[in-house]
PDB file of N, CA and C in Angstrom:
ATOM      1  N   UNK A   1       4.905  14.272  -7.335  1.00  0.00           N
ATOM      2  CA  UNK A   1       5.985  13.359  -6.697  1.00  0.00           C
ATOM      3  C   UNK A   1       6.086  13.176  -5.040  1.00  0.00           C
ATOM      4  N   UNK A   2       6.284  12.342  -4.554  1.00  0.00           N
ATOM      5  CA  UNK A   2       6.080  12.155  -3.141  1.00  0.00           C
ATOM      6  C   UNK A   2       7.240  12.938  -2.448  1.00  0.00           C
ATOM      7  N   UNK A   3       7.161  12.891  -1.401  1.00  0.00           N
ATOM      8  CA  UNK A   3       8.128  13.704  -0.380  1.00  0.00           C
ATOM      9  C   UNK A   3       8.150  12.714   0.940  1.00  0.00           C
ATOM     10  N   UNK A   4       9.512  13.053   1.355  1.00  0.00           N
ATOM     11  CA  UNK A   4       9.649  12.097   2.502  1.00  0.00           C
ATOM     12  C   UNK A   4       9.921  13.215   3.780  1.00  0.00           C
ATOM     13  N   UNK A   5       9.425  12.712   4.952  1.00  0.00           N
ATOM     14  CA  UNK A   5       9.669  13.292   6.294  1.00  0.00           C
ATOM     15  C   UNK A   5      10.498  12.840   7.116  1.00  0.00           C
ATOM     16  N   UNK A   6      11.673  13.306   7.255  1.00  0.00           N
ATOM     17  CA  UNK A   6      12.671  12.571   8.375  1.00  0.00           C
ATOM     18  C   UNK A   6      12.452  13.163   9.675  1.00  0.00           C
ATOM     19  N   UNK A   7      12.097  12.576  10.488  1.00  0.00           N
ATOM     20  CA  UNK A   7      11.819  13.190  12.072  1.00  0.00           C
ATOM     21  C   UNK A   7      13.159  12.516  12.900  1.00  0.00           C
ATOM     22  N   UNK A   8      13.667  13.433  13.575  1.00  0.00           N
ATOM     23  CA  UNK A   8      14.835  12.839  14.320  1.00  0.00           C
ATOM     24  C   UNK A   8      14.411  13.539  15.633  1.00  0.00           C
ATOM     25  N   UNK A   9      14.793  12.572  16.743  1.00  0.00           N
ATOM     26  CA  UNK A   9      14.429  13.010  17.882  1.00  0.00           C
ATOM     27  C   UNK A   9      15.651  12.773  19.223  1.00  0.00           C
ATOM     28  N   UNK A  10      16.031  13.448  19.512  1.00  0.00           N
ATOM     29  CA  UNK A  10      16.994  13.352  20.709  1.00  0.00           C
ATOM     30  C   UNK A  10      16.880  12.841  22.037  1.00  0.00           C
ATOM     31  N   UNK A  11      17.133  11.450  22.489  1.00  0.00           N
ATOM     32  CA  UNK A  11      16.705  11.117  23.432  1.00  0.00           C
ATOM     33  C   UNK A  11      17.587  11.453  24.633  1.00  0.00           C
ATOM     34  N   UNK A  12      16.910  11.438  25.844  1.00  0.00           N
ATOM     35  CA  UNK A  12      17.560  11.772  27.002  1.00  0.00           C
ATOM     36  C   UNK A  12      18.609  10.655  27.299  1.00  0.00           C
ATOM     37  N   UNK A  13      19.759  10.978  27.535  1.00  0.00           N
ATOM     38  CA  UNK A  13      20.794   9.966  27.773  1.00  0.00           C
ATOM     39  C   UNK A  13      20.371   8.888  29.101  1.00  0.00           C
ATOM     40  N   UNK A  14      20.286   7.591  28.589  1.00  0.00           N
ATOM     41  CA  UNK A  14      19.401   6.643  29.359  1.00  0.00           C
ATOM     42  C   UNK A  14      18.251   6.334  29.192  1.00  0.00           C
ATOM     43  N   UNK A  15      17.365   6.917  28.391  1.00  0.00           N
ATOM     44  CA  UNK A  15      16.202   6.655  28.338  1.00  0.00           C
ATOM     45  C   UNK A  15      15.475   5.964  27.169  1.00  0.00           C
ATOM     46  N   UNK A  16      16.703   5.571  26.260  1.00  0.00           N
ATOM     47  CA  UNK A  16      16.249   4.806  25.142  1.00  0.00           C
ATOM     48  C   UNK A  16      15.625   3.638  25.431  1.00  0.00           C
ATOM     49  N   UNK A  17      15.981   2.576  26.433  1.00  0.00           N
ATOM     50  CA  UNK A  17      15.320   1.727  26.570  1.00  0.00           C
ATOM     51  C   UNK A  17      13.446   2.034  26.892  1.00  0.00           C
ATOM     52  N   UNK A  18      13.558   3.149  27.751  1.00  0.00           N
ATOM     53  CA  UNK A  18      11.693   3.338  27.741  1.00  0.00           C
ATOM     54  C   UNK A  18      11.349   3.667  26.970  1.00  0.00           C
ATOM     55  N   UNK A  19      11.709   4.470  25.806  1.00  0.00           N
ATOM     56  CA  UNK A  19      11.513   4.884  24.456  1.00  0.00           C
ATOM     57  C   UNK A  19      10.970   3.564  23.329  1.00  0.00           C
ATOM     58  N   UNK A  20      11.594   2.827  23.550  1.00  0.00           N
ATOM     59  CA  UNK A  20      11.707   1.353  22.900  1.00  0.00           C
ATOM     60  C   UNK A  20      10.764   0.620  23.421  1.00  0.00           C
ATOM     61  N   UNK A  21      10.486   0.617  24.619  1.00  0.00           N
ATOM     62  CA  UNK A  21       9.504  -0.324  25.310  1.00  0.00           C
ATOM     63  C   UNK A  21       7.938   0.140  24.953  1.00  0.00           C
ATOM     64  N   UNK A  22       7.903   1.691  24.917  1.00  0.00           N
ATOM     65  CA  UNK A  22       6.686   2.811  25.131  1.00  0.00           C
ATOM     66  C   UNK A  22       6.403   2.295  23.422  1.00  0.00           C
ATOM     67  N   UNK A  23       7.274   2.527  22.751  1.00  0.00           N
ATOM     68  CA  UNK A  23       6.857   2.540  21.114  1.00  0.00           C
ATOM     69  C   UNK A  23       6.333   0.911  20.651  1.00  0.00           C
ATOM     70  N   UNK A  24       7.283  -0.143  21.256  1.00  0.00           N
ATOM     71  CA  UNK A  24       6.780  -1.043  21.362  1.00  0.00           C
ATOM     72  C   UNK A  24       5.140  -1.599  21.688  1.00  0.00           C
ATOM     73  N   UNK A  25       4.921  -1.164  22.805  1.00  0.00           N
ATOM     74  CA  UNK A  25       3.964  -1.736  23.895  1.00  0.00           C
ATOM     75  C   UNK A  25       2.609  -0.844  23.652  1.00  0.00           C
ATOM     76  N   UNK A  26       2.918   0.328  22.971  1.00  0.00           N
ATOM     77  CA  UNK A  26       2.006   1.533  22.923  1.00  0.00           C
ATOM     78  C   UNK A  26       1.949   2.278  21.411  1.00  0.00           C
ATOM     79  N   UNK A  27       2.868   2.977  21.558  1.00  0.00           N
ATOM     80  CA  UNK A  27       3.181   3.778  20.045  1.00  0.00           C
ATOM     81  C   UNK A  27       2.729   3.109  18.742  1.00  0.00           C
ATOM     82  N   UNK A  28       3.473   1.695  18.512  1.00  0.00           N
ATOM     83  CA  UNK A  28       3.436   1.107  17.244  1.00  0.00           C
ATOM     84  C   UNK A  28       2.021   0.434  17.088  1.00  0.00           C
ATOM     85  N   UNK A  29       1.377  -0.342  17.958  1.00  0.00           N
ATOM     86  CA  UNK A  29       0.020  -0.626  17.887  1.00  0.00           C
ATOM     87  C   UNK A  29      -0.929   0.328  17.371  1.00  0.00           C
ATOM     88  N   UNK A  30      -0.872   1.298  18.326  1.00  0.00           N
ATOM     89  CA  UNK A  30      -1.684   2.405  17.697  1.00  0.00           C
ATOM     90  C   UNK A  30      -1.489   2.936  16.412  1.00  0.00           C
ATOM     91  N   UNK A  31      -0.145   3.039  16.113  1.00  0.00           N
ATOM     92  CA  UNK A  31      -0.113   3.531  14.551  1.00  0.00           C
ATOM     93  C   UNK A  31      -0.565   2.508  13.745  1.00  0.00           C
ATOM     94  N   UNK A  32      -0.613   1.214  13.929  1.00  0.00           N
ATOM     95  CA  UNK A  32      -0.993   0.093  13.059  1.00  0.00           C
ATOM     96  C   UNK A  32      -2.411   0.412  13.079  1.00  0.00           C
ATOM     97  N   UNK A  33      -3.171   0.052  14.368  1.00  0.00           N
ATOM     98  CA  UNK A  33      -4.942   0.282  14.533  1.00  0.00           C
ATOM     99  C   UNK A  33      -5.385   1.388  13.733  1.00  0.00           C
ATOM    100  N   UNK A  34      -4.771   2.699  13.710  1.00  0.00           N
ATOM    101  CA  UNK A  34      -5.472   3.689  12.994  1.00  0.00           C
ATOM    102  C   UNK A  34      -4.731   3.758  11.703  1.00  0.00           C
ATOM    103  N   UNK A  35      -4.176   2.792  11.100  1.00  0.00           N
ATOM    104  CA  UNK A  35      -3.975   2.853   9.419  1.00  0.00           C
ATOM    105  C   UNK A  35      -2.841   4.004   9.374  1.00  0.00           C
ATOM    106  N   UNK A  36      -2.049   4.402  10.366  1.00  0.00           N
ATOM    107  CA  UNK A  36      -1.155   5.323   9.974  1.00  0.00           C
ATOM    108  C   UNK A  36       0.015   4.901   9.577  1.00  0.00           C
ATOM    109  N   UNK A  37       0.591   3.606  10.106  1.00  0.00           N
ATOM    110  CA  UNK A  37       1.750   2.948   9.643  1.00  0.00           C
ATOM    111  C   UNK A  37       1.859   2.697   7.964  1.00  0.00           C
ATOM    112  N   UNK A  38       1.053   2.801   7.077  1.00  0.00           N
ATOM    113  CA  UNK A  38       1.055   2.747   6.057  1.00  0.00           C
ATOM    114  C   UNK A  38       1.721   3.842   5.381  1.00  0.00           C
ATOM    115  N   UNK A  39       2.063   4.716   5.793  1.00  0.00           N
ATOM    116  CA  UNK A  39       3.037   5.660   5.414  1.00  0.00           C
ATOM    117  C   UNK A  39       4.524   5.758   5.729  1.00  0.00           C
ATOM    118  N   UNK A  40       4.636   4.848   6.822  1.00  0.00           N
ATOM    119  CA  UNK A  40       5.793   4.844   7.550  1.00  0.00           C
ATOM    120  C   UNK A  40       6.847   4.161   6.878  1.00  0.00           C
ATOM    121  N   UNK A  41       7.975   4.703   6.103  1.00  0.00           N
ATOM    122  CA  UNK A  41       9.276   3.779   5.697  1.00  0.00           C
ATOM    123  C   UNK A  41      10.085   3.185   6.533  1.00  0.00           C
ATOM    124  N   UNK A  42      10.469   3.478   7.966  1.00  0.00           N
ATOM    125  CA  UNK A  42      10.929   2.697   8.688  1.00  0.00           C
ATOM    126  C   UNK A  42      11.312   3.700  10.196  1.00  0.00           C
ATOM    127  N   UNK A  43      11.846   3.309  11.207  1.00  0.00           N
ATOM    128  CA  UNK A  43      12.007   3.537  12.502  1.00  0.00           C
ATOM    129  C   UNK A  43      13.551   2.984  12.797  1.00  0.00           C
ATOM    130  N   UNK A  44      14.459   3.916  13.453  1.00  0.00           N
ATOM    131  CA  UNK A  44      15.512   3.629  13.203  1.00  0.00           C
ATOM    132  C   UNK A  44      16.402   4.149  14.581  1.00  0.00           C
ATOM    133  N   UNK A  45      17.223   3.719  15.208  1.00  0.00           N
ATOM    134  CA  UNK A  45      18.106   4.277  16.237  1.00  0.00           C
ATOM    135  C   UNK A  45      19.563   4.499  15.635  1.00  0.00           C
ATOM    136  N   UNK A  46      20.323   5.260  16.280  1.00  0.00           N
ATOM    137  CA  UNK A  46      21.718   5.669  15.962  1.00  0.00           C
ATOM    138  C   UNK A  46      22.385   4.753  16.605  1.00  0.00           C
ATOM    139  N   UNK A  47      23.438   4.167  16.016  1.00  0.00           N
ATOM    140  CA  UNK A  47      24.813   3.432  16.549  1.00  0.00           C
ATOM    141  C   UNK A  47      26.105   4.081  16.683  1.00  0.00           C
ATOM    142  N   UNK A  48      26.176   5.081  15.628  1.00  0.00           N
ATOM    143  CA  UNK A  48      27.549   5.592  15.499  1.00  0.00           C
ATOM    144  C   UNK A  48      26.808   7.288  15.306  1.00  0.00           C
ATOM    145  N   UNK A  49      27.891   8.043  14.930  1.00  0.00           N
ATOM    146  CA  UNK A  49      27.795   9.257  15.197  1.00  0.00           C
ATOM    147  C   UNK A  49      26.881  10.039  16.319  1.00  0.00           C
ATOM    148  N   UNK A  50      26.205  10.690  16.101  1.00  0.00           N
ATOM    149  CA  UNK A  50      25.137  11.391  17.210  1.00  0.00           C
ATOM    150  C   UNK A  50      24.267  10.101  17.793  1.00  0.00           C
ATOM    151  N   UNK A  51      24.482   9.770  19.058  1.00  0.00           N
ATOM    152  CA  UNK A  51      24.165   8.794  19.521  1.00  0.00           C
ATOM    153  C   UNK A  51      22.893   8.952  20.309  1.00  0.00           C
ATOM    154  N   UNK A  52      21.882   7.993  20.906  1.00  0.00           N
ATOM    155  CA  UNK A  52      20.427   8.722  21.599  1.00  0.00           C
ATOM    156  C   UNK A  52      19.645   9.093  20.731  1.00  0.00           C
ATOM    157  N   UNK A  53      19.497   8.827  19.370  1.00  0.00           N
ATOM    158  CA  UNK A  53      18.511   9.282  18.458  1.00  0.00           C
ATOM    159  C   UNK A  53      17.752   7.896  18.083  1.00  0.00           C
ATOM    160  N   UNK A  54      16.373   8.655  18.139  1.00  0.00           N
ATOM    161  CA  UNK A  54      15.317   7.886  17.389  1.00  0.00           C
ATOM    162  C   UNK A  54      15.017   8.787  16.076  1.00  0.00           C
ATOM    163  N   UNK A  55      15.005   7.900  14.733  1.00  0.00           N
ATOM    164  CA  UNK A  55      14.732   8.517  13.610  1.00  0.00           C
ATOM    165  C   UNK A  55      13.855   7.916  13.020  1.00  0.00           C
ATOM    166  N   UNK A  56      12.540   8.838  12.315  1.00  0.00           N
ATOM    167  CA  UNK A  56      11.718   7.658  11.582  1.00  0.00           C
ATOM    168  C   UNK A  56      11.582   8.594  10.618  1.00  0.00           C
ATOM    169  N   UNK A  57      11.253   7.771   9.202  1.00  0.00           N
ATOM    170  CA  UNK A  57      10.846   8.407   7.958  1.00  0.00           C
ATOM    171  C   UNK A  57       9.809   7.854   7.547  1.00  0.00           C
ATOM    172  N   UNK A  58       8.959   8.935   6.632  1.00  0.00           N
ATOM    173  CA  UNK A  58       7.707   8.827   6.551  1.00  0.00           C
ATOM    174  C   UNK A  58       7.443   9.264   4.832  1.00  0.00           C
ATOM    175  N   UNK A  59       6.503   8.599   4.074  1.00  0.00           N
ATOM    176  CA  UNK A  59       6.357   9.014   2.856  1.00  0.00           C
ATOM    177  C   UNK A  59       4.975   9.608   2.451  1.00  0.00           C
ATOM    178  N   UNK A  60       5.062  10.353   1.733  1.00  0.00           N
ATOM    179  CA  UNK A  60       3.795  10.855   1.572  1.00  0.00           C
ATOM    180  C   UNK A  60       3.274  11.278   0.121  1.00  0.00           C
ATOM    181  N   UNK A  61       2.070  11.356  -0.593  1.00  0.00           N
ATOM    182  CA  UNK A  61       1.881  11.708  -1.803  1.00  0.00           C
ATOM    183  C   UNK A  61       2.526  13.211  -2.169  1.00  0.00           C
ATOM    184  N   UNK A  62       2.208  14.081  -1.399  1.00  0.00           N
ATOM    185  CA  UNK A  62       2.299  15.305  -1.582  1.00  0.00           C
ATOM    186  C   UNK A  62       2.420  16.262  -0.203  1.00  0.00           C
ATOM    187  N   UNK A  63       2.593  17.300   0.010  1.00  0.00           N
ATOM    188  CA  UNK A  63       2.408  18.230   1.285  1.00  0.00           C
ATOM    189  C   UNK A  63       0.806  18.082   1.781  1.00  0.00           C
ATOM    190  N   UNK A  64      -0.070  18.087   0.854  1.00  0.00           N
ATOM    191  CA  UNK A  64      -1.251  18.155   1.445  1.00  0.00           C
ATOM    192  C   UNK A  64      -1.476  16.978   2.025  1.00  0.00           C
ATOM    193  N   UNK A  65      -1.155  15.669   1.519  1.00  0.00           N
ATOM    194  CA  UNK A  65      -1.323  14.299   2.107  1.00  0.00           C
ATOM    195  C   UNK A  65      -0.346  14.300   3.414  1.00  0.00           C
ATOM    196  N   UNK A  66       0.584  14.778   3.693  1.00  0.00           N
ATOM    197  CA  UNK A  66       1.421  15.006   4.855  1.00  0.00           C
ATOM    198  C   UNK A  66       0.657  15.924   5.689  1.00  0.00           C
ATOM    199  N   UNK A  67       0.118  16.805   5.517  1.00  0.00           N
ATOM    200  CA  UNK A  67      -0.501  17.480   6.585  1.00  0.00           C
ATOM    201  C   UNK A  67      -1.665  17.205   6.947  1.00  0.00           C
ATOM    202  N   UNK A  68      -2.539  16.365   6.213  1.00  0.00           N
ATOM    203  CA  UNK A  68      -3.781  15.416   6.804  1.00  0.00           C
ATOM    204  C   UNK A  68      -3.480  14.858   7.527  1.00  0.00           C
ATOM    205  N   UNK A  69      -2.105  13.903   7.371  1.00  0.00           N
ATOM    206  CA  UNK A  69      -1.772  12.680   7.966  1.00  0.00           C
ATOM    207  C   UNK A  69      -1.439  13.153   9.263  1.00  0.00           C
ATOM    208  N   UNK A  70      -0.639  14.185   9.718  1.00  0.00           N
ATOM    209  CA  UNK A  70      -0.434  14.636  11.061  1.00  0.00           C
ATOM    210  C   UNK A  70      -1.691  15.102  11.527  1.00  0.00           C
ATOM    211  N   UNK A  71      -2.453  15.820  11.129  1.00  0.00           N
ATOM    212  CA  UNK A  71      -3.566  16.302  11.627  1.00  0.00           C
ATOM    213  C   UNK A  71      -4.549  15.275  12.463  1.00  0.00           C
ATOM    214  N   UNK A  72      -4.524  14.425  11.354  1.00  0.00           N
ATOM    215  CA  UNK A  72      -5.170  13.032  12.090  1.00  0.00           C
ATOM    216  C   UNK A  72      -4.435  12.290  12.913  1.00  0.00           C
ATOM    217  N   UNK A  73      -3.314  12.121  12.854  1.00  0.00           N
ATOM    218  CA  UNK A  73      -2.492  11.465  13.880  1.00  0.00           C
ATOM    219  C   UNK A  73      -2.692  12.172  15.528  1.00  0.00           C
ATOM    220  N   UNK A  74      -2.351  13.711  15.199  1.00  0.00           N
ATOM    221  CA  UNK A  74      -2.638  14.238  16.377  1.00  0.00           C
ATOM    222  C   UNK A  74      -3.781  14.820  17.002  1.00  0.00           C
ATOM    223  N   UNK A  75      -5.015  14.110  16.030  1.00  0.00           N
ATOM    224  CA  UNK A  75      -6.566  14.422  16.871  1.00  0.00           C
ATOM    225  C   UNK A  75      -6.763  12.908  17.580  1.00  0.00           C
ATOM    226  N   UNK A  76      -5.790  12.062  17.239  1.00  0.00           N
ATOM    227  CA  UNK A  76      -6.163  10.580  17.533  1.00  0.00           C
ATOM    228  C   UNK A  76      -5.680  10.580  19.210  1.00  0.00           C
ATOM    229  N   UNK A  77      -7.009  10.497  19.766  1.00  0.00           N
ATOM    230  CA  UNK A  77      -6.702  10.286  21.479  1.00  0.00           C
ATOM    231  C   UNK A  77      -5.702   9.469  21.915  1.00  0.00           C
ATOM    232  N   UNK A  78      -5.983   8.062  21.458  1.00  0.00           N
ATOM    233  CA  UNK A  78      -4.987   7.013  21.670  1.00  0.00           C
ATOM    234  C   UNK A  78      -3.528   7.613  21.703  1.00  0.00           C
ATOM    235  N   UNK A  79      -3.269   8.162  20.486  1.00  0.00           N
ATOM    236  CA  UNK A  79      -1.800   8.436  20.219  1.00  0.00           C
ATOM    237  C   UNK A  79      -1.540   9.482  21.060  1.00  0.00           C
ATOM    238  N   UNK A  80      -2.208  10.279  21.605  1.00  0.00           N
ATOM    239  CA  UNK A  80      -1.863  11.952  22.192  1.00  0.00           C
ATOM    240  C   UNK A  80      -1.734  11.199  23.784  1.00  0.00           C
ATOM    241  N   UNK A  81      -2.103  10.260  24.213  1.00  0.00           N
ATOM    242  CA  UNK A  81      -1.977   9.487  25.201  1.00  0.00           C
ATOM    243  C   UNK A  81      -0.581   8.705  25.349  1.00  0.00           C
ATOM    244  N   UNK A  82      -0.311   8.342  24.366  1.00  0.00           N
ATOM    245  CA  UNK A  82       0.958   7.517  23.889  1.00  0.00           C
ATOM    246  C   UNK A  82       2.158   8.957  24.016  1.00  0.00           C
ATOM    247  N   UNK A  83       1.812   9.921  23.206  1.00  0.00           N
ATOM    248  CA  UNK A  83       2.903  11.123  23.266  1.00  0.00           C
ATOM    249  C   UNK A  83       3.181  11.534  24.323  1.00  0.00           C
ATOM    250  N   UNK A  84       2.136  11.909  25.203  1.00  0.00           N
ATOM    251  CA  UNK A  84       2.227  12.500  26.652  1.00  0.00           C
ATOM    252  C   UNK A  84       3.401  11.643  27.371  1.00  0.00           C
ATOM    253  N   UNK A  85       3.327  10.457  27.314  1.00  0.00           N
ATOM    254  CA  UNK A  85       4.366   9.629  28.046  1.00  0.00           C
ATOM    255  C   UNK A  85       5.461   9.804  27.563  1.00  0.00           C
ATOM    256  N   UNK A  86       5.641  10.133  26.262  1.00  0.00           N
ATOM    257  CA  UNK A  86       7.377   9.772  25.738  1.00  0.00           C
ATOM    258  C   UNK A  86       7.816  11.283  25.789  1.00  0.00           C
ATOM    259  N   UNK A  87       7.051  12.368  25.845  1.00  0.00           N
ATOM    260  CA  UNK A  87       7.426  13.714  25.951  1.00  0.00           C
ATOM    261  C   UNK A  87       8.868  13.618  26.747  1.00  0.00           C
ATOM    262  N   UNK A  88       8.868  13.420  27.959  1.00  0.00           N
ATOM    263  CA  UNK A  88       9.748  13.419  29.068  1.00  0.00           C
ATOM    264  C   UNK A  88      11.228  12.722  28.665  1.00  0.00           C
ATOM    265  N   UNK A  89      11.438  11.803  27.658  1.00  0.00           N
ATOM    266  CA  UNK A  89      12.141  11.214  26.986  1.00  0.00           C
ATOM    267  C   UNK A  89      13.133  11.973  26.122  1.00  0.00           C
ATOM    268  N   UNK A  90      12.317  12.758  25.525  1.00  0.00           N
ATOM    269  CA  UNK A  90      13.099  13.842  24.109  1.00  0.00           C
ATOM    270  C   UNK A  90      13.471  15.160  24.500  1.00  0.00           C
ATOM    271  N   UNK A  91      14.640  15.088  24.262  1.00  0.00           N
ATOM    272  CA  UNK A  91      15.353  16.760  24.695  1.00  0.00           C
ATOM    273  C   UNK A  91      15.351  17.531  23.536  1.00  0.00           C
ATOM    274  N   UNK A  92      15.208  16.961  22.210  1.00  0.00           N
ATOM    275  CA  UNK A  92      15.034  17.764  21.281  1.00  0.00           C
ATOM    276  C   UNK A  92      14.528  16.844  19.794  1.00  0.00           C
ATOM    277  N   UNK A  93      14.103  18.109  18.895  1.00  0.00           N
ATOM    278  CA  UNK A  93      13.226  17.370  17.720  1.00  0.00           C
ATOM    279  C   UNK A  93      13.740  18.030  16.576  1.00  0.00           C
ATOM    280  N   UNK A  94      14.122  16.987  15.200  1.00  0.00           N
ATOM    281  CA  UNK A  94      14.346  17.833  14.246  1.00  0.00           C
ATOM    282  C   UNK A  94      13.516  17.183  12.829  1.00  0.00           C
ATOM    283  N   UNK A  95      12.838  18.251  12.289  1.00  0.00           N
ATOM    284  CA  UNK A  95      12.345  17.468  10.962  1.00  0.00           C
ATOM    285  C   UNK A  95      12.560  18.412   9.652  1.00  0.00           C
ATOM    286  N   UNK A  96      12.671  17.074   8.818  1.00  0.00           N
ATOM    287  CA  UNK A  96      13.541  17.293   7.630  1.00  0.00           C
ATOM    288  C   UNK A  96      12.432  16.990   6.283  1.00  0.00           C
ATOM    289  N   UNK A  97      11.848  17.668   5.519  1.00  0.00           N
ATOM    290  CA  UNK A  97      11.420  17.636   4.282  1.00  0.00           C
ATOM    291  C   UNK A  97      12.191  16.975   3.131  1.00  0.00           C
ATOM    292  N   UNK A  98      12.274  15.926   2.541  1.00  0.00           N
ATOM    293  CA  UNK A  98      13.484  15.348   1.485  1.00  0.00           C
ATOM    294  C   UNK A  98      12.350  15.420   0.229  1.00  0.00           C
ATOM    295  N   UNK A  99      12.829  15.706  -0.999  1.00  0.00           N
ATOM    296  CA  UNK A  99      12.323  15.404  -2.132  1.00  0.00           C
ATOM    297  C   UNK A  99      13.240  14.282  -2.710  1.00  0.00           C
ATOM    298  N   UNK A 100      12.510  13.132  -3.513  1.00  0.00           N
ATOM    299  CA  UNK A 100      13.423  12.253  -4.126  1.00  0.00           C
ATOM    300  C   UNK A 100      14.300  12.681  -5.184  1.00  0.00           C
ATOM    301  N   UNK A 101      15.558  12.179  -5.154  1.00  0.00           N
ATOM    302  CA  UNK A 101      16.425  12.388  -6.252  1.00  0.00           C
ATOM    303  C   UNK A 101      15.906  11.810  -7.667  1.00  0.00           C
ATOM    304  N   UNK A 102      16.036  12.374  -8.852  1.00  0.00           N
ATOM    305  CA  UNK A 102      15.611  11.447  -9.978  1.00  0.00           C
ATOM    306  C   UNK A 102      16.332  10.577 -10.344  1.00  0.00           C
ATOM    307  N   UNK A 103      17.020   9.733  -9.529  1.00  0.00           N
ATOM    308  CA  UNK A 103      17.746   8.986 -10.096  1.00  0.00           C
ATOM    309  C   UNK A 103      17.488   7.732  -8.809  1.00  0.00           C
ATOM    310  N   UNK A 104      17.750   6.381  -8.984  1.00  0.00           N
ATOM    311  CA  UNK A 104      17.774   5.509  -7.996  1.00  0.00           C
ATOM    312  C   UNK A 104      16.373   4.955  -7.461  1.00  0.00           C
ATOM    313  N   UNK A 105      16.158   4.152  -6.276  1.00  0.00           N
ATOM    314  CA  UNK A 105      15.260   3.445  -5.869  1.00  0.00           C
ATOM    315  C   UNK A 105      14.504   4.289  -5.068  1.00  0.00           C
ATOM    316  N   UNK A 106      13.331   4.315  -5.038  1.00  0.00           N
ATOM    317  CA  UNK A 106      12.415   5.189  -3.758  1.00  0.00           C
ATOM    318  C   UNK A 106      11.443   4.252  -3.074  1.00  0.00           C
ATOM    319  N   UNK A 107      11.756   4.337  -1.894  1.00  0.00           N
ATOM    320  CA  UNK A 107      11.046   3.205  -0.780  1.00  0.00           C
ATOM    321  C   UNK A 107       9.453   3.440  -0.825  1.00  0.00           C
TER     322      UNK A 107
END
């Protein structure tokens, strides 16, 4: 059964334009070039409720697949150079693992 990982980053007020720029110009191209984007369900920004959040959802075959993915991504020098640039824009991070319900669509 697949598992989904939801990562929510609280962005420092006023820094969302910089986060979006960095992801568009550097982060996303690195994810695509490294083959990491194939696990991505989607990226989202909050518009209501808690504002200034960047949310991304990932799909993995199982926990071993998830752990291998993050190990590989964090070993990617280009991605880590991008991560260093974006860290000062993030004030908090929440990671939640989700199992799909036994009904309904699965992305």
